PDB file of all heavy atoms in Angstrom:
ATOM      1  N   LEU A   1      -2.748  -9.414   0.047  1.00  0.00           N
ATOM      2  CA  LEU A   1      -1.826  -9.638  -1.064  1.00  0.00           C
ATOM      3  C   LEU A   1      -2.383 -10.698  -1.998  1.00  0.00           C
ATOM      4  O   LEU A   1      -2.937 -11.704  -1.545  1.00  0.00           O
ATOM      5  CB  LEU A   1      -0.456 -10.094  -0.542  1.00  0.00           C
ATOM      6  CG  LEU A   1       0.289  -9.132   0.379  1.00  0.00           C
ATOM      7  CD1 LEU A   1       1.537  -9.804   0.945  1.00  0.00           C
ATOM      8  CD2 LEU A   1       0.660  -7.847  -0.361  1.00  0.00           C
ATOM      9  N   LYS A   2      -2.217 -10.463  -3.294  1.00  0.00           N
ATOM     10  CA  LYS A   2      -2.626 -11.447  -4.291  1.00  0.00           C
ATOM     11  C   LYS A   2      -1.386 -12.180  -4.765  1.00  0.00           C
ATOM     12  O   LYS A   2      -0.533 -11.632  -5.444  1.00  0.00           O
ATOM     13  CB  LYS A   2      -3.320 -10.763  -5.476  1.00  0.00           C
ATOM     14  CG  LYS A   2      -3.850 -11.727  -6.523  1.00  0.00           C
ATOM     15  CD  LYS A   2      -4.552 -10.974  -7.648  1.00  0.00           C
ATOM     16  CE  LYS A   2      -5.101 -11.932  -8.690  1.00  0.00           C
ATOM     17  NZ  LYS A   2      -5.756 -11.198  -9.809  1.00  0.00           N
ATOM     18  N   GLY A   3      -1.265 -13.453  -4.381  1.00  0.00           N
ATOM     19  CA  GLY A   3      -0.079 -14.227  -4.688  1.00  0.00           C
ATOM     20  C   GLY A   3      -0.213 -15.078  -5.930  1.00  0.00           C
ATOM     21  O   GLY A   3      -1.063 -14.820  -6.793  1.00  0.00           O
ATOM     22  N   LYS A   4       0.623 -16.111  -6.024  1.00  0.00           N
ATOM     23  CA  LYS A   4       0.614 -17.005  -7.177  1.00  0.00           C
ATOM     24  C   LYS A   4      -0.720 -17.741  -7.260  1.00  0.00           C
ATOM     25  O   LYS A   4      -1.315 -18.092  -6.249  1.00  0.00           O
ATOM     26  CB  LYS A   4       1.758 -18.018  -7.078  1.00  0.00           C
ATOM     27  CG  LYS A   4       3.141 -17.401  -7.279  1.00  0.00           C
ATOM     28  CD  LYS A   4       4.212 -18.477  -7.260  1.00  0.00           C
ATOM     29  CE  LYS A   4       5.582 -17.899  -7.571  1.00  0.00           C
ATOM     30  NZ  LYS A   4       6.639 -18.937  -7.563  1.00  0.00           N
ATOM     31  N   GLY A   5      -1.168 -17.965  -8.502  1.00  0.00           N
ATOM     32  CA  GLY A   5      -2.427 -18.657  -8.694  1.00  0.00           C
ATOM     33  C   GLY A   5      -3.627 -17.860  -8.230  1.00  0.00           C
ATOM     34  O   GLY A   5      -4.679 -18.422  -7.922  1.00  0.00           O
ATOM     35  N   SER A   6      -3.468 -16.532  -8.166  1.00  0.00           N
ATOM     36  CA  SER A   6      -4.552 -15.623  -7.730  1.00  0.00           C
ATOM     37  C   SER A   6      -5.060 -15.957  -6.330  1.00  0.00           C
ATOM     38  O   SER A   6      -6.233 -15.746  -6.013  1.00  0.00           O
ATOM     39  CB  SER A   6      -5.719 -15.663  -8.734  1.00  0.00           C
ATOM     40  OG  SER A   6      -5.302 -15.202 -10.004  1.00  0.00           O
ATOM     41  N   LYS A   7      -4.163 -16.491  -5.488  1.00  0.00           N
ATOM     42  CA  LYS A   7      -4.531 -16.788  -4.113  1.00  0.00           C
ATOM     43  C   LYS A   7      -4.245 -15.572  -3.232  1.00  0.00           C
ATOM     44  O   LYS A   7      -3.166 -14.988  -3.295  1.00  0.00           O
ATOM     45  CB  LYS A   7      -3.736 -17.999  -3.600  1.00  0.00           C
ATOM     46  CG  LYS A   7      -4.080 -19.304  -4.306  1.00  0.00           C
ATOM     47  CD  LYS A   7      -3.243 -20.457  -3.759  1.00  0.00           C
ATOM     48  CE  LYS A   7      -3.571 -21.760  -4.479  1.00  0.00           C
ATOM     49  NZ  LYS A   7      -2.735 -22.881  -3.997  1.00  0.00           N
ATOM     50  N   TYR A   8      -5.233 -15.217  -2.413  1.00  0.00           N
ATOM     51  CA  TYR A   8      -5.092 -14.049  -1.544  1.00  0.00           C
ATOM     52  C   TYR A   8      -4.666 -14.485  -0.144  1.00  0.00           C
ATOM     53  O   TYR A   8      -5.018 -15.571   0.327  1.00  0.00           O
ATOM     54  CB  TYR A   8      -6.420 -13.295  -1.450  1.00  0.00           C
ATOM     55  CG  TYR A   8      -6.784 -12.545  -2.714  1.00  0.00           C
ATOM     56  CD1 TYR A   8      -7.522 -13.161  -3.722  1.00  0.00           C
ATOM     57  CD2 TYR A   8      -6.379 -11.221  -2.904  1.00  0.00           C
ATOM     58  CE1 TYR A   8      -7.855 -12.484  -4.884  1.00  0.00           C
ATOM     59  CE2 TYR A   8      -6.703 -10.540  -4.065  1.00  0.00           C
ATOM     60  CZ  TYR A   8      -7.442 -11.168  -5.046  1.00  0.00           C
ATOM     61  OH  TYR A   8      -7.761 -10.501  -6.195  1.00  0.00           O
ATOM     62  N   ARG A   9      -3.904 -13.619   0.513  1.00  0.00           N
ATOM     63  CA  ARG A   9      -3.564 -13.856   1.912  1.00  0.00           C
ATOM     64  C   ARG A   9      -3.505 -12.514   2.637  1.00  0.00           C
ATOM     65  O   ARG A   9      -3.316 -11.457   2.002  1.00  0.00           O
ATOM     66  CB  ARG A   9      -2.230 -14.592   2.051  1.00  0.00           C
ATOM     67  CG  ARG A   9      -0.979 -13.808   1.690  1.00  0.00           C
ATOM     68  CD  ARG A   9       0.257 -14.698   1.815  1.00  0.00           C
ATOM     69  NE  ARG A   9       1.504 -13.984   1.603  1.00  0.00           N
ATOM     70  CZ  ARG A   9       1.999 -13.669   0.406  1.00  0.00           C
ATOM     71  NH1 ARG A   9       1.350 -14.009  -0.688  1.00  0.00           N
ATOM     72  NH2 ARG A   9       3.162 -13.027   0.309  1.00  0.00           N
ATOM     73  N   ILE A  10      -3.680 -12.558   3.921  1.00  0.00           N
ATOM     74  CA  ILE A  10      -3.641 -11.365   4.755  1.00  0.00           C
ATOM     75  C   ILE A  10      -2.323 -11.348   5.527  1.00  0.00           C
ATOM     76  O   ILE A  10      -1.945 -12.348   6.144  1.00  0.00           O
ATOM     77  CB  ILE A  10      -4.822 -11.345   5.752  1.00  0.00           C
ATOM     78  CG1 ILE A  10      -6.160 -11.371   5.009  1.00  0.00           C
ATOM     79  CG2 ILE A  10      -4.729 -10.126   6.668  1.00  0.00           C
ATOM     80  CD1 ILE A  10      -6.394 -10.169   4.131  1.00  0.00           C
ATOM     81  N   VAL A  11      -1.616 -10.235   5.460  1.00  0.00           N
ATOM     82  CA  VAL A  11      -0.329 -10.093   6.150  1.00  0.00           C
ATOM     83  C   VAL A  11      -0.402  -8.875   7.076  1.00  0.00           C
ATOM     84  O   VAL A  11      -0.885  -7.811   6.670  1.00  0.00           O
ATOM     85  CB  VAL A  11       0.821  -9.906   5.137  1.00  0.00           C
ATOM     86  CG1 VAL A  11       2.131  -9.600   5.851  1.00  0.00           C
ATOM     87  CG2 VAL A  11       0.973 -11.160   4.281  1.00  0.00           C
ATOM     88  N   PRO A  12       0.062  -9.014   8.314  1.00  0.00           N
ATOM     89  CA  PRO A  12       0.047  -7.878   9.249  1.00  0.00           C
ATOM     90  C   PRO A  12       0.973  -6.752   8.789  1.00  0.00           C
ATOM     91  O   PRO A  12       1.998  -7.005   8.150  1.00  0.00           O
ATOM     92  CB  PRO A  12       0.549  -8.478  10.565  1.00  0.00           C
ATOM     93  CG  PRO A  12       0.441  -9.955  10.394  1.00  0.00           C
ATOM     94  CD  PRO A  12       0.600 -10.235   8.934  1.00  0.00           C
ATOM     95  N   ILE A  13       0.612  -5.538   9.119  1.00  0.00           N
ATOM     96  CA  ILE A  13       1.468  -4.380   8.888  1.00  0.00           C
ATOM     97  C   ILE A  13       2.107  -4.015  10.229  1.00  0.00           C
ATOM     98  O   ILE A  13       1.412  -3.627  11.171  1.00  0.00           O
ATOM     99  CB  ILE A  13       0.671  -3.176   8.335  1.00  0.00           C
ATOM    100  CG1 ILE A  13       0.138  -3.504   6.938  1.00  0.00           C
ATOM    101  CG2 ILE A  13       1.538  -1.915   8.304  1.00  0.00           C
ATOM    102  CD1 ILE A  13      -0.763  -2.427   6.361  1.00  0.00           C
ATOM    103  N   GLY A  14       3.420  -4.156  10.313  1.00  0.00           N
ATOM    104  CA  GLY A  14       4.127  -3.831  11.547  1.00  0.00           C
ATOM    105  C   GLY A  14       4.152  -2.337  11.826  1.00  0.00           C
ATOM    106  O   GLY A  14       3.860  -1.513  10.945  1.00  0.00           O
ATOM    107  N   SER A  15       4.534  -1.973  13.042  1.00  0.00           N
ATOM    108  CA  SER A  15       4.498  -0.569  13.469  1.00  0.00           C
ATOM    109  C   SER A  15       5.418   0.325  12.640  1.00  0.00           C
ATOM    110  O   SER A  15       5.054   1.450  12.288  1.00  0.00           O
ATOM    111  CB  SER A  15       4.870  -0.466  14.952  1.00  0.00           C
ATOM    112  OG  SER A  15       6.162  -1.021  15.180  1.00  0.00           O
ATOM    113  N   LEU A  16       6.627  -0.188  12.279  1.00  0.00           N
ATOM    114  CA  LEU A  16       7.571   0.631  11.517  1.00  0.00           C
ATOM    115  C   LEU A  16       7.106   0.793  10.071  1.00  0.00           C
ATOM    116  O   LEU A  16       7.228   1.888   9.484  1.00  0.00           O
ATOM    117  CB  LEU A  16       8.967   0.007  11.564  1.00  0.00           C
ATOM    118  CG  LEU A  16       9.601  -0.064  12.956  1.00  0.00           C
ATOM    119  CD1 LEU A  16      10.970  -0.738  12.887  1.00  0.00           C
ATOM    120  CD2 LEU A  16       9.730   1.328  13.554  1.00  0.00           C
ATOM    121  N   LEU A  17       6.578  -0.286   9.471  1.00  0.00           N
ATOM    122  CA  LEU A  17       6.039  -0.168   8.123  1.00  0.00           C
ATOM    123  C   LEU A  17       4.827   0.759   8.122  1.00  0.00           C
ATOM    124  O   LEU A  17       4.640   1.540   7.177  1.00  0.00           O
ATOM    125  CB  LEU A  17       5.646  -1.544   7.582  1.00  0.00           C
ATOM    126  CG  LEU A  17       4.971  -1.552   6.195  1.00  0.00           C
ATOM    127  CD1 LEU A  17       5.863  -0.889   5.143  1.00  0.00           C
ATOM    128  CD2 LEU A  17       4.621  -2.981   5.772  1.00  0.00           C
ATOM    129  N   ARG A  18       4.028   0.704   9.159  1.00  0.00           N
ATOM    130  CA  ARG A  18       2.859   1.579   9.249  1.00  0.00           C
ATOM    131  C   ARG A  18       3.278   3.043   9.231  1.00  0.00           C
ATOM    132  O   ARG A  18       2.651   3.877   8.563  1.00  0.00           O
ATOM    133  CB  ARG A  18       2.059   1.270  10.520  1.00  0.00           C
ATOM    134  CG  ARG A  18       0.702   1.960  10.570  1.00  0.00           C
ATOM    135  CD  ARG A  18      -0.013   1.709  11.898  1.00  0.00           C
ATOM    136  NE  ARG A  18      -1.403   2.093  11.815  1.00  0.00           N
ATOM    137  CZ  ARG A  18      -1.845   3.354  11.841  1.00  0.00           C
ATOM    138  NH1 ARG A  18      -0.979   4.355  11.957  1.00  0.00           N
ATOM    139  NH2 ARG A  18      -3.135   3.609  11.749  1.00  0.00           N
ATOM    140  N   GLN A  19       4.338   3.365   9.959  1.00  0.00           N
ATOM    141  CA  GLN A  19       4.842   4.745   9.970  1.00  0.00           C
ATOM    142  C   GLN A  19       5.264   5.183   8.577  1.00  0.00           C
ATOM    143  O   GLN A  19       4.924   6.285   8.127  1.00  0.00           O
ATOM    144  CB  GLN A  19       6.026   4.866  10.932  1.00  0.00           C
ATOM    145  CG  GLN A  19       5.674   4.713  12.401  1.00  0.00           C
ATOM    146  CD  GLN A  19       6.909   4.744  13.288  1.00  0.00           C
ATOM    147  OE1 GLN A  19       7.960   5.224  12.893  1.00  0.00           O
ATOM    148  NE2 GLN A  19       6.787   4.205  14.492  1.00  0.00           N
ATOM    149  N   ASN A  20       6.009   4.318   7.882  1.00  0.00           N
ATOM    150  CA  ASN A  20       6.475   4.675   6.540  1.00  0.00           C
ATOM    151  C   ASN A  20       5.326   4.765   5.546  1.00  0.00           C
ATOM    152  O   ASN A  20       5.316   5.636   4.670  1.00  0.00           O
ATOM    153  CB  ASN A  20       7.521   3.663   6.070  1.00  0.00           C
ATOM    154  CG  ASN A  20       8.866   3.874   6.743  1.00  0.00           C
ATOM    155  OD1 ASN A  20       9.254   5.002   7.038  1.00  0.00           O
ATOM    156  ND2 ASN A  20       9.589   2.797   7.003  1.00  0.00           N
ATOM    157  N   LEU A  21       4.365   3.857   5.651  1.00  0.00           N
ATOM    158  CA  LEU A  21       3.189   3.914   4.776  1.00  0.00           C
ATOM    159  C   LEU A  21       2.408   5.212   4.990  1.00  0.00           C
ATOM    160  O   LEU A  21       1.969   5.846   4.021  1.00  0.00           O
ATOM    161  CB  LEU A  21       2.275   2.718   5.046  1.00  0.00           C
ATOM    162  CG  LEU A  21       2.581   1.427   4.292  1.00  0.00           C
ATOM    163  CD1 LEU A  21       1.754   0.281   4.849  1.00  0.00           C
ATOM    164  CD2 LEU A  21       2.337   1.591   2.796  1.00  0.00           C
ATOM    165  N   THR A  22       2.252   5.598   6.236  1.00  0.00           N
ATOM    166  CA  THR A  22       1.517   6.833   6.550  1.00  0.00           C
ATOM    167  C   THR A  22       2.206   8.042   5.935  1.00  0.00           C
ATOM    168  O   THR A  22       1.558   8.912   5.333  1.00  0.00           O
ATOM    169  CB  THR A  22       1.388   7.006   8.071  1.00  0.00           C
ATOM    170  OG1 THR A  22       0.709   5.864   8.625  1.00  0.00           O
ATOM    171  CG2 THR A  22       0.611   8.260   8.406  1.00  0.00           C
ATOM    172  N   GLU A  23       3.539   8.102   6.060  1.00  0.00           N
ATOM    173  CA  GLU A  23       4.310   9.206   5.474  1.00  0.00           C
ATOM    174  C   GLU A  23       4.196   9.205   3.953  1.00  0.00           C
ATOM    175  O   GLU A  23       3.990  10.232   3.321  1.00  0.00           O
ATOM    176  CB  GLU A  23       5.787   9.082   5.893  1.00  0.00           C
ATOM    177  CG  GLU A  23       6.060   9.288   7.370  1.00  0.00           C
ATOM    178  CD  GLU A  23       6.182  10.752   7.736  1.00  0.00           C
ATOM    179  OE1 GLU A  23       6.035  11.613   6.844  1.00  0.00           O
ATOM    180  OE2 GLU A  23       6.445  11.022   8.913  1.00  0.00           O
ATOM    181  N   TYR A  24       4.354   8.013   3.370  1.00  0.00           N
ATOM    182  CA  TYR A  24       4.291   7.898   1.911  1.00  0.00           C
ATOM    183  C   TYR A  24       2.906   8.275   1.387  1.00  0.00           C
ATOM    184  O   TYR A  24       2.780   8.964   0.365  1.00  0.00           O
ATOM    185  CB  TYR A  24       4.654   6.481   1.475  1.00  0.00           C
ATOM    186  CG  TYR A  24       4.290   6.180   0.041  1.00  0.00           C
ATOM    187  CD1 TYR A  24       4.941   6.817  -1.016  1.00  0.00           C
ATOM    188  CD2 TYR A  24       3.257   5.284  -0.266  1.00  0.00           C
ATOM    189  CE1 TYR A  24       4.589   6.557  -2.342  1.00  0.00           C
ATOM    190  CE2 TYR A  24       2.904   5.017  -1.581  1.00  0.00           C
ATOM    191  CZ  TYR A  24       3.574   5.665  -2.615  1.00  0.00           C
ATOM    192  OH  TYR A  24       3.213   5.416  -3.914  1.00  0.00           O
ATOM    193  N   LEU A  25       1.866   7.833   2.066  1.00  0.00           N
ATOM    194  CA  LEU A  25       0.501   8.105   1.613  1.00  0.00           C
ATOM    195  C   LEU A  25       0.180   9.596   1.637  1.00  0.00           C
ATOM    196  O   LEU A  25      -0.683  10.049   0.888  1.00  0.00           O
ATOM    197  CB  LEU A  25      -0.501   7.323   2.469  1.00  0.00           C
ATOM    198  CG  LEU A  25      -0.569   5.823   2.162  1.00  0.00           C
ATOM    199  CD1 LEU A  25      -1.409   5.094   3.214  1.00  0.00           C
ATOM    200  CD2 LEU A  25      -1.133   5.574   0.770  1.00  0.00           C
ATOM    201  N   THR A  26       0.886  10.339   2.469  1.00  0.00           N
ATOM    202  CA  THR A  26       0.712  11.796   2.462  1.00  0.00           C
ATOM    203  C   THR A  26       1.085  12.361   1.101  1.00  0.00           C
ATOM    204  O   THR A  26       0.380  13.197   0.528  1.00  0.00           O
ATOM    205  CB  THR A  26       1.581  12.444   3.556  1.00  0.00           C
ATOM    206  OG1 THR A  26       1.215  11.907   4.822  1.00  0.00           O
ATOM    207  CG2 THR A  26       1.396  13.964   3.568  1.00  0.00           C
ATOM    208  N   TYR A  27       2.216  11.885   0.556  1.00  0.00           N
ATOM    209  CA  TYR A  27       2.629  12.297  -0.793  1.00  0.00           C
ATOM    210  C   TYR A  27       1.723  11.665  -1.850  1.00  0.00           C
ATOM    211  O   TYR A  27       1.314  12.321  -2.816  1.00  0.00           O
ATOM    212  CB  TYR A  27       4.076  11.873  -1.064  1.00  0.00           C
ATOM    213  CG  TYR A  27       5.111  12.663  -0.317  1.00  0.00           C
ATOM    214  CD1 TYR A  27       5.761  12.117   0.790  1.00  0.00           C
ATOM    215  CD2 TYR A  27       5.469  13.951  -0.724  1.00  0.00           C
ATOM    216  CE1 TYR A  27       6.732  12.829   1.475  1.00  0.00           C
ATOM    217  CE2 TYR A  27       6.440  14.679  -0.040  1.00  0.00           C
ATOM    218  CZ  TYR A  27       7.065  14.113   1.056  1.00  0.00           C
ATOM    219  OH  TYR A  27       8.012  14.823   1.732  1.00  0.00           O
ATOM    220  N   ARG A  28       1.434  10.385  -1.655  1.00  0.00           N
ATOM    221  CA  ARG A  28       0.635   9.651  -2.642  1.00  0.00           C
ATOM    222  C   ARG A  28      -0.737  10.296  -2.835  1.00  0.00           C
ATOM    223  O   ARG A  28      -1.219  10.436  -3.963  1.00  0.00           O
ATOM    224  CB  ARG A  28       0.496   8.197  -2.161  1.00  0.00           C
ATOM    225  CG  ARG A  28      -0.494   7.306  -2.917  1.00  0.00           C
ATOM    226  CD  ARG A  28       0.002   6.994  -4.297  1.00  0.00           C
ATOM    227  NE  ARG A  28      -0.869   6.062  -4.987  1.00  0.00           N
ATOM    228  CZ  ARG A  28      -2.048   6.383  -5.529  1.00  0.00           C
ATOM    229  NH1 ARG A  28      -2.494   7.617  -5.436  1.00  0.00           N
ATOM    230  NH2 ARG A  28      -2.761   5.473  -6.165  1.00  0.00           N
ATOM    231  N   ASN A  29      -1.365  10.711  -1.756  1.00  0.00           N
ATOM    232  CA  ASN A  29      -2.701  11.292  -1.839  1.00  0.00           C
ATOM    233  C   ASN A  29      -2.711  12.676  -2.479  1.00  0.00           C
ATOM    234  O   ASN A  29      -3.704  13.086  -3.088  1.00  0.00           O
ATOM    235  CB  ASN A  29      -3.332  11.356  -0.443  1.00  0.00           C
ATOM    236  CG  ASN A  29      -3.602   9.972   0.137  1.00  0.00           C
ATOM    237  OD1 ASN A  29      -3.756   9.004  -0.607  1.00  0.00           O
ATOM    238  ND2 ASN A  29      -3.625   9.866   1.459  1.00  0.00           N
ATOM    239  N   LYS A  30      -1.589  13.387  -2.361  1.00  0.00           N
ATOM    240  CA  LYS A  30      -1.501  14.720  -2.971  1.00  0.00           C
ATOM    241  C   LYS A  30      -1.462  14.650  -4.497  1.00  0.00           C
ATOM    242  O   LYS A  30      -1.740  15.642  -5.171  1.00  0.00           O
ATOM    243  CB  LYS A  30      -0.254  15.448  -2.456  1.00  0.00           C
ATOM    244  CG  LYS A  30      -0.353  15.915  -1.013  1.00  0.00           C
ATOM    245  CD  LYS A  30       0.928  16.604  -0.580  1.00  0.00           C
ATOM    246  CE  LYS A  30       0.848  17.041   0.879  1.00  0.00           C
ATOM    247  NZ  LYS A  30       2.129  17.674   1.324  1.00  0.00           N
ATOM    248  N   LEU A  31      -1.105  13.491  -5.027  1.00  0.00           N
ATOM    249  CA  LEU A  31      -1.025  13.343  -6.480  1.00  0.00           C
ATOM    250  C   LEU A  31      -2.401  13.383  -7.130  1.00  0.00           C
ATOM    251  O   LEU A  31      -2.530  13.683  -8.316  1.00  0.00           O
ATOM    252  CB  LEU A  31      -0.337  12.018  -6.850  1.00  0.00           C
ATOM    253  CG  LEU A  31       1.095  11.822  -6.361  1.00  0.00           C
ATOM    254  CD1 LEU A  31       1.594  10.437  -6.770  1.00  0.00           C
ATOM    255  CD2 LEU A  31       2.008  12.904  -6.931  1.00  0.00           C
ATOM    256  N   LYS A  32      -3.417  13.061  -6.354  1.00  0.00           N
ATOM    257  CA  LYS A  32      -4.795  13.010  -6.861  1.00  0.00           C
ATOM    258  C   LYS A  32      -4.891  12.168  -8.128  1.00  0.00           C
ATOM    259  O   LYS A  32      -5.570  12.516  -9.095  1.00  0.00           O
ATOM    260  CB  LYS A  32      -5.329  14.429  -7.119  1.00  0.00           C
ATOM    261  CG  LYS A  32      -5.350  15.301  -5.875  1.00  0.00           C
ATOM    262  CD  LYS A  32      -6.040  16.624  -6.131  1.00  0.00           C
ATOM    263  CE  LYS A  32      -5.978  17.525  -4.902  1.00  0.00           C
ATOM    264  NZ  LYS A  32      -6.582  16.920  -3.708  1.00  0.00           N
ATOM    265  N   SER A  33      -4.132  11.076  -8.121  1.00  0.00           N
ATOM    266  CA  SER A  33      -4.115  10.175  -9.270  1.00  0.00           C
ATOM    267  C   SER A  33      -5.338   9.271  -9.255  1.00  0.00           C
ATOM    268  O   SER A  33      -5.805   8.846  -8.197  1.00  0.00           O
ATOM    269  CB  SER A  33      -2.842   9.316  -9.247  1.00  0.00           C
ATOM    270  OG  SER A  33      -2.888   8.324 -10.243  1.00  0.00           O
ATOM    271  N   ILE A  34      -5.877   8.997 -10.441  1.00  0.00           N
ATOM    272  CA  ILE A  34      -7.012   8.076 -10.545  1.00  0.00           C
ATOM    273  C   ILE A  34      -6.532   6.624 -10.517  1.00  0.00           C
ATOM    274  O   ILE A  34      -7.333   5.703 -10.458  1.00  0.00           O
ATOM    275  CB  ILE A  34      -7.828   8.341 -11.830  1.00  0.00           C
ATOM    276  CG1 ILE A  34      -6.947   8.107 -13.076  1.00  0.00           C
ATOM    277  CG2 ILE A  34      -8.425   9.734 -11.819  1.00  0.00           C
ATOM    278  CD1 ILE A  34      -7.721   8.167 -14.377  1.00  0.00           C
ATOM    279  N   ASN A  35      -5.202   6.436 -10.567  1.00  0.00           N
ATOM    280  CA  ASN A  35      -4.625   5.096 -10.520  1.00  0.00           C
ATOM    281  C   ASN A  35      -4.861   4.501  -9.139  1.00  0.00           C
ATOM    282  O   ASN A  35      -4.631   5.151  -8.121  1.00  0.00           O
ATOM    283  CB  ASN A  35      -3.132   5.172 -10.832  1.00  0.00           C
ATOM    284  CG  ASN A  35      -2.555   3.839 -11.251  1.00  0.00           C
ATOM    285  OD1 ASN A  35      -2.754   2.844 -10.579  1.00  0.00           O
ATOM    286  ND2 ASN A  35      -1.842   3.824 -12.367  1.00  0.00           N
ATOM    287  N   SER A  36      -5.289   3.251  -9.091  1.00  0.00           N
ATOM    288  CA  SER A  36      -5.656   2.623  -7.810  1.00  0.00           C
ATOM    289  C   SER A  36      -4.499   1.931  -7.104  1.00  0.00           C
ATOM    290  O   SER A  36      -4.644   1.508  -5.952  1.00  0.00           O
ATOM    291  CB  SER A  36      -6.780   1.597  -8.041  1.00  0.00           C
ATOM    292  OG  SER A  36      -6.323   0.544  -8.882  1.00  0.00           O
ATOM    293  N   PHE A  37      -3.353   1.810  -7.775  1.00  0.00           N
ATOM    294  CA  PHE A  37      -2.244   1.068  -7.175  1.00  0.00           C
ATOM    295  C   PHE A  37      -1.534   1.882  -6.100  1.00  0.00           C
ATOM    296  O   PHE A  37      -1.425   3.106  -6.194  1.00  0.00           O
ATOM    297  CB  PHE A  37      -1.266   0.617  -8.250  1.00  0.00           C
ATOM    298  CG  PHE A  37      -1.843  -0.407  -9.184  1.00  0.00           C
ATOM    299  CD1 PHE A  37      -2.320  -0.054 -10.435  1.00  0.00           C
ATOM    300  CD2 PHE A  37      -1.952  -1.734  -8.785  1.00  0.00           C
ATOM    301  CE1 PHE A  37      -2.875  -0.991 -11.291  1.00  0.00           C
ATOM    302  CE2 PHE A  37      -2.508  -2.687  -9.623  1.00  0.00           C
ATOM    303  CZ  PHE A  37      -2.979  -2.310 -10.877  1.00  0.00           C
ATOM    304  N   LEU A  38      -1.025   1.192  -5.099  1.00  0.00           N
ATOM    305  CA  LEU A  38      -0.371   1.851  -3.970  1.00  0.00           C
ATOM    306  C   LEU A  38       0.916   2.539  -4.395  1.00  0.00           C
ATOM    307  O   LEU A  38       1.141   3.712  -4.091  1.00  0.00           O
ATOM    308  CB  LEU A  38      -0.085   0.821  -2.866  1.00  0.00           C
ATOM    309  CG  LEU A  38       0.734   1.308  -1.670  1.00  0.00           C
ATOM    310  CD1 LEU A  38      -0.001   2.413  -0.921  1.00  0.00           C
ATOM    311  CD2 LEU A  38       1.059   0.134  -0.731  1.00  0.00           C
ATOM    312  N   PHE A  39       1.772   1.809  -5.093  1.00  0.00           N
ATOM    313  CA  PHE A  39       3.071   2.358  -5.483  1.00  0.00           C
ATOM    314  C   PHE A  39       3.037   2.793  -6.946  1.00  0.00           C
ATOM    315  O   PHE A  39       2.694   2.000  -7.830  1.00  0.00           O
ATOM    316  CB  PHE A  39       4.180   1.335  -5.255  1.00  0.00           C
ATOM    317  CG  PHE A  39       4.390   1.013  -3.804  1.00  0.00           C
ATOM    318  CD1 PHE A  39       4.050  -0.236  -3.292  1.00  0.00           C
ATOM    319  CD2 PHE A  39       4.913   1.967  -2.931  1.00  0.00           C
ATOM    320  CE1 PHE A  39       4.233  -0.539  -1.953  1.00  0.00           C
ATOM    321  CE2 PHE A  39       5.094   1.679  -1.583  1.00  0.00           C
ATOM    322  CZ  PHE A  39       4.756   0.427  -1.096  1.00  0.00           C
ATOM    323  N   LEU A  40       3.391   4.050  -7.160  1.00  0.00           N
ATOM    324  CA  LEU A  40       3.319   4.631  -8.498  1.00  0.00           C
ATOM    325  C   LEU A  40       4.692   5.047  -9.000  1.00  0.00           C
ATOM    326  O   LEU A  40       5.589   5.372  -8.223  1.00  0.00           O
ATOM    327  CB  LEU A  40       2.391   5.850  -8.499  1.00  0.00           C
ATOM    328  CG  LEU A  40       0.947   5.624  -8.068  1.00  0.00           C
ATOM    329  CD1 LEU A  40       0.168   6.931  -8.138  1.00  0.00           C
ATOM    330  CD2 LEU A  40       0.272   4.554  -8.908  1.00  0.00           C
TER     331      LEU A  40
END
C-alpha cells in the first residue's frame, strides 16, 4: 500500500479477503483492461 507521504507498507491478506479477491479477479481479468488499477 502507498500511504501518506508516498510511504509504502506491506499488509497481510487474510484468508477471507483472499477468497473475495480471487473471485473478483476472475471478473476483473475478463475485462482485458489495459488499466493497471485493481478496482475499476
